[in-house]
Structure formats: C-alpha cells, structure tokens
C-alpha cells in the first residue's frame, strides 16, 4: 500500500512540474522584453471568414440575411439568419444569391457583419 502512495505522489508531482513547464513555454513573445508578436498572415485572416449565401438584402432596415456555415468566433452553428451591418455601403455591393465570405461579431448585443467579400 505504501508503494502505491509513493507512486501516486510521484505522479502528482510530475503532473505539477509538467504544468508549470508548459505554462512557461507557452509564454507570449509580448511578455518577453524586446520581442513582439507577429500579425496574423492573410491566409490566417482569410480562414476566419465564414462561407455563406446572401438570401436577402434589406437596404431600408440596413440588414442582411445570410445562409452560413459555423461562425467559430461566436460559437454558432450554421444556419440562416438576419445580420445588421457595420457599414451600410456593404449592402450596395451585394445581391440575393451571391456567394460570400464574411466575418460577424457581437457588437452592443447584436450580431453584425463587419467584413464581407465575394467568395468567387
């Protein structure tokens, strides 16, 4: 029984050490003097965009209906929903049926399209 306790204590100690070492190695470069984080690449930024299809453009109410895939940054599954738009000028460039890639964010409690581009 004593050997089991010793083994268990050694295991817990090893896990604690591994956790502390992992925390040190995951330290951001901005925490280190003279170092700065790199900006995300264009490919990484593009991967943040969600694919969708415009179902309705409502210029009068400044809204956009999009059938879309999962919105990872909002932890939301794919669906069809109505969005506000950050910039009304976005609506002038869109038409029903257009394939798009877009980013949406929660602003003042509302989900708003902040960036949109053609998927073609």
N, C-alpha and C. Protein backbone atom coordinates (compact mmCIF):
# COMPACT_ATOMS: atom_id res chain seq x y z
N UNK A 1 0.82 -1.19 0.00
CA UNK A 1 0.00 0.00 0.00
C UNK A 1 0.86 1.25 0.00
N UNK A 2 1.97 1.20 0.72
CA UNK A 2 2.88 2.33 0.81
C UNK A 2 3.48 2.65 -0.55
N UNK A 3 3.79 1.60 -1.34
CA UNK A 3 4.35 1.81 -2.67
C UNK A 3 3.35 2.51 -3.59
N UNK A 4 2.08 2.22 -3.43
CA UNK A 4 1.04 2.85 -4.25
C UNK A 4 0.96 4.34 -3.91
N UNK A 5 1.04 4.69 -2.63
CA UNK A 5 1.01 6.09 -2.22
C UNK A 5 2.21 6.85 -2.77
N UNK A 6 3.36 6.24 -2.68
CA UNK A 6 4.59 6.88 -3.18
C UNK A 6 4.47 7.09 -4.69
N UNK A 7 4.00 6.07 -5.39
CA UNK A 7 3.84 6.17 -6.84
C UNK A 7 2.83 7.27 -7.19
N UNK A 8 1.74 7.34 -6.44
CA UNK A 8 0.72 8.36 -6.68
C UNK A 8 1.28 9.76 -6.42
N UNK A 9 2.02 9.93 -5.34
CA UNK A 9 2.63 11.23 -5.04
C UNK A 9 3.64 11.62 -6.13
N UNK A 10 4.41 10.65 -6.60
CA UNK A 10 5.38 10.93 -7.67
C UNK A 10 4.65 11.35 -8.95
N UNK A 11 3.54 10.70 -9.24
CA UNK A 11 2.74 11.02 -10.42
C UNK A 11 2.18 12.43 -10.33
N UNK A 12 1.61 12.78 -9.18
CA UNK A 12 1.05 14.12 -8.98
C UNK A 12 2.15 15.18 -9.09
N UNK A 13 3.31 14.90 -8.51
CA UNK A 13 4.43 15.84 -8.59
C UNK A 13 4.87 16.02 -10.05
N UNK A 14 4.92 14.94 -10.80
CA UNK A 14 5.32 15.02 -12.21
C UNK A 14 4.31 15.84 -13.00
N UNK A 15 3.03 15.66 -12.75
CA UNK A 15 2.00 16.44 -13.43
C UNK A 15 2.12 17.92 -13.09
N UNK A 16 2.37 18.22 -11.84
CA UNK A 16 2.54 19.61 -11.41
C UNK A 16 3.73 20.25 -12.11
N UNK A 17 4.82 19.52 -12.17
CA UNK A 17 6.02 20.03 -12.84
C UNK A 17 5.75 20.24 -14.32
N UNK A 18 5.08 19.30 -14.96
CA UNK A 18 4.79 19.41 -16.39
C UNK A 18 3.89 20.60 -16.65
N UNK A 19 2.92 20.85 -15.78
CA UNK A 19 2.02 22.00 -15.94
C UNK A 19 2.78 23.31 -15.82
N UNK A 20 3.68 23.40 -14.86
CA UNK A 20 4.48 24.62 -14.67
C UNK A 20 5.40 24.84 -15.86
N UNK A 21 6.01 23.78 -16.36
CA UNK A 21 6.90 23.90 -17.51
C UNK A 21 6.12 24.31 -18.75
N UNK A 22 4.93 23.77 -18.92
CA UNK A 22 4.08 24.12 -20.06
C UNK A 22 3.66 25.57 -20.01
N UNK A 23 3.35 26.07 -18.83
CA UNK A 23 2.95 27.47 -18.68
C UNK A 23 4.10 28.39 -19.06
N UNK A 24 5.33 28.01 -18.72
CA UNK A 24 6.49 28.82 -19.07
C UNK A 24 6.72 28.82 -20.57
N UNK A 25 6.60 27.66 -21.22
CA UNK A 25 6.91 27.57 -22.64
C UNK A 25 5.83 28.22 -23.50
N UNK A 26 4.60 28.38 -22.99
CA UNK A 26 3.55 28.99 -23.77
C UNK A 26 3.47 30.49 -23.58
N UNK A 27 4.46 31.04 -22.92
CA UNK A 27 4.51 32.47 -22.66
C UNK A 27 4.55 33.22 -23.99
N UNK A 28 3.74 34.23 -24.11
CA UNK A 28 3.67 35.03 -25.33
C UNK A 28 4.96 35.80 -25.53
N UNK A 29 5.32 36.04 -26.80
CA UNK A 29 6.53 36.80 -27.07
C UNK A 29 6.37 38.24 -26.63
N UNK A 30 5.14 38.72 -26.45
CA UNK A 30 4.96 40.09 -25.98
C UNK A 30 5.31 40.21 -24.51
N UNK A 31 5.41 39.07 -23.79
CA UNK A 31 5.81 39.09 -22.39
C UNK A 31 7.33 39.16 -22.23
N UNK A 32 8.03 38.99 -23.34
CA UNK A 32 9.48 38.96 -23.28
C UNK A 32 10.03 40.29 -23.79
N UNK A 33 10.94 40.90 -23.05
CA UNK A 33 11.50 42.19 -23.47
C UNK A 33 12.14 42.10 -24.85
N UNK A 34 11.86 43.11 -25.68
CA UNK A 34 12.47 43.18 -27.00
C UNK A 34 11.79 42.32 -28.04
N UNK A 35 10.74 41.62 -27.68
CA UNK A 35 10.06 40.74 -28.63
C UNK A 35 8.64 41.25 -28.84
N UNK A 36 8.11 41.03 -30.04
CA UNK A 36 6.71 41.40 -30.31
C UNK A 36 6.06 40.28 -31.10
N UNK A 37 4.75 40.17 -30.97
CA UNK A 37 4.02 39.14 -31.71
C UNK A 37 3.86 39.58 -33.15
N UNK A 38 3.89 38.62 -34.05
CA UNK A 38 3.67 38.90 -35.46
C UNK A 38 2.18 39.01 -35.72
N UNK A 39 1.83 39.84 -36.66
CA UNK A 39 0.43 39.96 -37.07
C UNK A 39 0.05 38.69 -37.81
N UNK A 40 -1.22 38.28 -37.72
CA UNK A 40 -1.63 37.07 -38.44
C UNK A 40 -1.48 37.26 -39.95
N UNK A 41 -1.13 36.19 -40.63
CA UNK A 41 -0.95 36.26 -42.07
C UNK A 41 -2.29 36.41 -42.76
N UNK A 42 -2.26 36.79 -44.03
CA UNK A 42 -3.50 36.93 -44.79
C UNK A 42 -4.25 35.61 -44.86
N UNK A 43 -3.51 34.50 -44.95
CA UNK A 43 -4.14 33.18 -45.00
C UNK A 43 -4.88 32.89 -43.70
N UNK A 44 -4.27 33.25 -42.58
CA UNK A 44 -4.93 33.04 -41.29
C UNK A 44 -6.16 33.92 -41.17
N UNK A 45 -6.06 35.16 -41.62
CA UNK A 45 -7.20 36.07 -41.56
C UNK A 45 -8.32 35.57 -42.47
N UNK A 46 -7.97 35.05 -43.64
CA UNK A 46 -8.98 34.54 -44.55
C UNK A 46 -9.69 33.32 -43.98
N UNK A 47 -8.98 32.52 -43.19
CA UNK A 47 -9.60 31.33 -42.62
C UNK A 47 -10.61 31.69 -41.54
N UNK A 48 -10.56 32.93 -41.04
CA UNK A 48 -11.53 33.38 -40.04
C UNK A 48 -12.86 33.75 -40.68
N UNK A 49 -12.89 33.85 -42.00
CA UNK A 49 -14.12 34.21 -42.70
C UNK A 49 -15.00 32.97 -42.86
N UNK A 50 -16.30 33.18 -42.78
CA UNK A 50 -17.27 32.10 -42.91
C UNK A 50 -17.92 32.17 -44.29
N UNK A 51 -18.12 31.02 -44.90
CA UNK A 51 -18.76 30.96 -46.21
C UNK A 51 -20.27 31.07 -46.03
N UNK A 52 -20.91 31.73 -46.98
CA UNK A 52 -22.36 31.86 -46.91
C UNK A 52 -22.96 32.26 -48.24
N UNK A 53 -24.29 32.32 -48.25
CA UNK A 53 -25.03 32.75 -49.43
C UNK A 53 -26.04 33.80 -49.01
N UNK A 54 -26.03 34.92 -49.71
CA UNK A 54 -26.95 36.01 -49.39
C UNK A 54 -28.35 35.59 -49.79
N UNK A 55 -29.27 35.65 -48.86
CA UNK A 55 -30.67 35.30 -49.12
C UNK A 55 -31.54 36.54 -49.31
N UNK A 56 -31.16 37.66 -48.66
CA UNK A 56 -31.94 38.88 -48.77
C UNK A 56 -31.07 40.07 -48.40
N UNK A 57 -31.23 41.16 -49.16
CA UNK A 57 -30.56 42.42 -48.87
C UNK A 57 -31.66 43.43 -48.56
N UNK A 58 -31.69 43.93 -47.33
CA UNK A 58 -32.72 44.87 -46.89
C UNK A 58 -32.05 46.22 -46.60
N UNK A 59 -31.94 47.05 -47.66
CA UNK A 59 -31.25 48.34 -47.53
C UNK A 59 -32.02 49.30 -46.62
N UNK A 60 -33.35 49.24 -46.64
CA UNK A 60 -34.15 50.14 -45.83
C UNK A 60 -33.88 49.96 -44.33
N UNK A 61 -33.74 48.71 -43.91
CA UNK A 61 -33.52 48.41 -42.49
C UNK A 61 -32.05 48.11 -42.16
N UNK A 62 -31.20 48.24 -43.19
CA UNK A 62 -29.76 48.01 -43.02
C UNK A 62 -29.48 46.62 -42.46
N UNK A 63 -30.12 45.61 -43.11
CA UNK A 63 -29.96 44.23 -42.66
C UNK A 63 -29.64 43.33 -43.84
N UNK A 64 -29.08 42.18 -43.49
CA UNK A 64 -28.64 41.22 -44.48
C UNK A 64 -28.99 39.82 -43.98
N UNK A 65 -29.67 39.03 -44.81
CA UNK A 65 -29.98 37.65 -44.44
C UNK A 65 -29.00 36.74 -45.17
N UNK A 66 -28.30 35.91 -44.39
CA UNK A 66 -27.28 35.03 -44.96
C UNK A 66 -27.48 33.61 -44.45
N UNK A 67 -27.45 32.64 -45.38
CA UNK A 67 -27.38 31.23 -45.02
C UNK A 67 -25.88 30.94 -44.92
N UNK A 68 -25.43 30.53 -43.73
CA UNK A 68 -23.99 30.44 -43.50
C UNK A 68 -23.58 29.16 -42.79
N UNK A 69 -22.29 28.90 -42.86
CA UNK A 69 -21.67 27.80 -42.11
C UNK A 69 -21.42 28.26 -40.68
N UNK A 70 -20.74 27.44 -39.89
CA UNK A 70 -20.48 27.78 -38.48
C UNK A 70 -19.69 29.08 -38.33
N UNK A 71 -20.09 29.88 -37.37
CA UNK A 71 -19.35 31.09 -37.01
C UNK A 71 -18.52 30.74 -35.79
N UNK A 72 -17.28 30.35 -36.01
CA UNK A 72 -16.42 29.84 -34.94
C UNK A 72 -16.20 30.87 -33.84
N UNK A 73 -15.98 32.12 -34.21
CA UNK A 73 -15.69 33.14 -33.20
C UNK A 73 -16.89 33.43 -32.30
N UNK A 74 -18.09 33.09 -32.76
CA UNK A 74 -19.30 33.29 -31.96
C UNK A 74 -19.84 31.97 -31.41
N UNK A 75 -19.13 30.87 -31.69
CA UNK A 75 -19.55 29.54 -31.25
C UNK A 75 -20.98 29.26 -31.68
N UNK A 76 -21.25 29.49 -32.97
CA UNK A 76 -22.60 29.37 -33.51
C UNK A 76 -22.60 28.39 -34.69
N UNK A 77 -23.55 27.47 -34.71
CA UNK A 77 -23.61 26.53 -35.84
C UNK A 77 -24.12 27.22 -37.11
N UNK A 78 -23.99 26.52 -38.23
CA UNK A 78 -24.50 27.04 -39.48
C UNK A 78 -26.02 27.16 -39.44
N UNK A 79 -26.55 28.20 -40.09
CA UNK A 79 -28.00 28.44 -40.15
C UNK A 79 -28.26 29.59 -41.10
N UNK A 80 -29.51 29.95 -41.25
CA UNK A 80 -29.88 31.15 -41.99
C UNK A 80 -30.34 32.17 -40.96
N UNK A 81 -29.76 33.37 -41.01
CA UNK A 81 -30.13 34.39 -40.03
C UNK A 81 -29.97 35.79 -40.59
N UNK A 82 -30.58 36.74 -39.90
CA UNK A 82 -30.53 38.15 -40.27
C UNK A 82 -29.43 38.83 -39.45
N UNK A 83 -28.59 39.60 -40.13
CA UNK A 83 -27.50 40.33 -39.50
C UNK A 83 -27.68 41.82 -39.74
N UNK A 84 -27.21 42.62 -38.80
CA UNK A 84 -27.01 44.03 -39.06
C UNK A 84 -25.70 44.14 -39.80
N UNK A 85 -25.39 45.33 -40.31
CA UNK A 85 -24.11 45.54 -40.99
C UNK A 85 -23.37 46.70 -40.33
N UNK A 86 -22.07 46.58 -40.26
CA UNK A 86 -21.25 47.62 -39.64
C UNK A 86 -21.25 48.87 -40.51
N UNK A 87 -21.24 48.65 -41.83
CA UNK A 87 -21.17 49.75 -42.79
C UNK A 87 -22.28 49.57 -43.82
N UNK A 88 -23.17 50.55 -43.94
CA UNK A 88 -24.30 50.46 -44.88
C UNK A 88 -23.84 50.26 -46.32
N UNK A 89 -22.65 50.73 -46.65
CA UNK A 89 -22.13 50.62 -48.02
C UNK A 89 -21.95 49.16 -48.43
N UNK A 90 -21.82 48.25 -47.47
CA UNK A 90 -21.70 46.81 -47.79
C UNK A 90 -22.90 46.34 -48.59
N UNK A 91 -24.07 46.86 -48.27
CA UNK A 91 -25.31 46.40 -48.88
C UNK A 91 -25.38 46.75 -50.36
N UNK A 92 -24.72 47.83 -50.77
CA UNK A 92 -24.76 48.25 -52.18
C UNK A 92 -24.02 47.28 -53.08
N UNK A 93 -23.12 46.51 -52.53
CA UNK A 93 -22.28 45.61 -53.33
C UNK A 93 -22.83 44.19 -53.38
N UNK A 94 -23.97 43.94 -52.74
CA UNK A 94 -24.49 42.58 -52.62
C UNK A 94 -25.83 42.41 -53.30
N UNK A 95 -26.07 41.17 -53.72
CA UNK A 95 -27.38 40.84 -54.29
C UNK A 95 -27.78 39.43 -53.85
N UNK A 96 -29.06 39.17 -53.86
CA UNK A 96 -29.58 37.86 -53.45
C UNK A 96 -28.94 36.76 -54.29
N UNK A 97 -28.51 35.69 -53.63
CA UNK A 97 -27.90 34.55 -54.30
C UNK A 97 -26.38 34.62 -54.36
N UNK A 98 -25.79 35.75 -54.00
CA UNK A 98 -24.34 35.90 -54.07
C UNK A 98 -23.66 35.00 -53.04
N UNK A 99 -22.60 34.33 -53.47
CA UNK A 99 -21.77 33.53 -52.56
C UNK A 99 -20.76 34.48 -51.94
N UNK A 100 -20.68 34.44 -50.62
CA UNK A 100 -19.81 35.37 -49.91
C UNK A 100 -18.97 34.68 -48.85
N UNK A 101 -17.97 35.39 -48.40
CA UNK A 101 -17.18 35.01 -47.22
C UNK A 101 -17.25 36.23 -46.32
N UNK A 102 -17.56 36.01 -45.05
CA UNK A 102 -17.78 37.15 -44.19
C UNK A 102 -17.34 36.88 -42.76
N UNK A 103 -17.25 37.97 -42.01
CA UNK A 103 -16.96 37.87 -40.58
C UNK A 103 -18.05 38.63 -39.85
N UNK A 104 -18.53 38.04 -38.76
CA UNK A 104 -19.55 38.67 -37.94
C UNK A 104 -19.04 38.74 -36.51
N UNK A 105 -19.45 39.80 -35.81
CA UNK A 105 -19.06 39.98 -34.42
C UNK A 105 -20.26 40.44 -33.62
N UNK A 106 -20.21 40.20 -32.33
CA UNK A 106 -21.27 40.67 -31.45
C UNK A 106 -20.88 42.07 -30.97
N UNK A 107 -21.68 43.06 -31.36
CA UNK A 107 -21.43 44.46 -31.01
C UNK A 107 -22.68 45.02 -30.35
N UNK A 108 -22.53 45.50 -29.14
CA UNK A 108 -23.66 46.05 -28.37
C UNK A 108 -24.84 45.08 -28.32
N UNK A 109 -24.54 43.79 -28.15
CA UNK A 109 -25.58 42.79 -28.00
C UNK A 109 -26.21 42.31 -29.30
N UNK A 110 -25.74 42.84 -30.44
CA UNK A 110 -26.29 42.44 -31.75
C UNK A 110 -25.18 41.82 -32.59
N UNK A 111 -25.56 40.85 -33.41
CA UNK A 111 -24.58 40.22 -34.29
C UNK A 111 -24.55 41.00 -35.60
N UNK A 112 -23.36 41.49 -35.94
CA UNK A 112 -23.19 42.42 -37.05
C UNK A 112 -22.11 41.90 -38.00
N UNK A 113 -22.37 42.01 -39.30
CA UNK A 113 -21.35 41.68 -40.30
C UNK A 113 -20.36 42.83 -40.32
N UNK A 114 -19.10 42.50 -40.06
CA UNK A 114 -18.05 43.53 -40.01
C UNK A 114 -17.17 43.52 -41.25
N UNK A 115 -17.18 42.40 -41.98
CA UNK A 115 -16.37 42.28 -43.20
C UNK A 115 -17.08 41.29 -44.10
N UNK A 116 -17.10 41.60 -45.40
CA UNK A 116 -17.72 40.68 -46.36
C UNK A 116 -17.04 40.85 -47.70
N UNK A 117 -16.89 39.72 -48.40
CA UNK A 117 -16.27 39.72 -49.72
C UNK A 117 -16.89 38.62 -50.56
N UNK A 118 -16.73 38.73 -51.86
CA UNK A 118 -17.24 37.72 -52.77
C UNK A 118 -16.44 36.44 -52.58
N UNK A 119 -17.10 35.30 -52.65
CA UNK A 119 -16.43 34.00 -52.49
C UNK A 119 -15.91 33.49 -53.82
N UNK A 120 -16.19 34.17 -54.90
CA UNK A 120 -15.77 33.68 -56.23
C UNK A 120 -14.46 34.21 -56.63
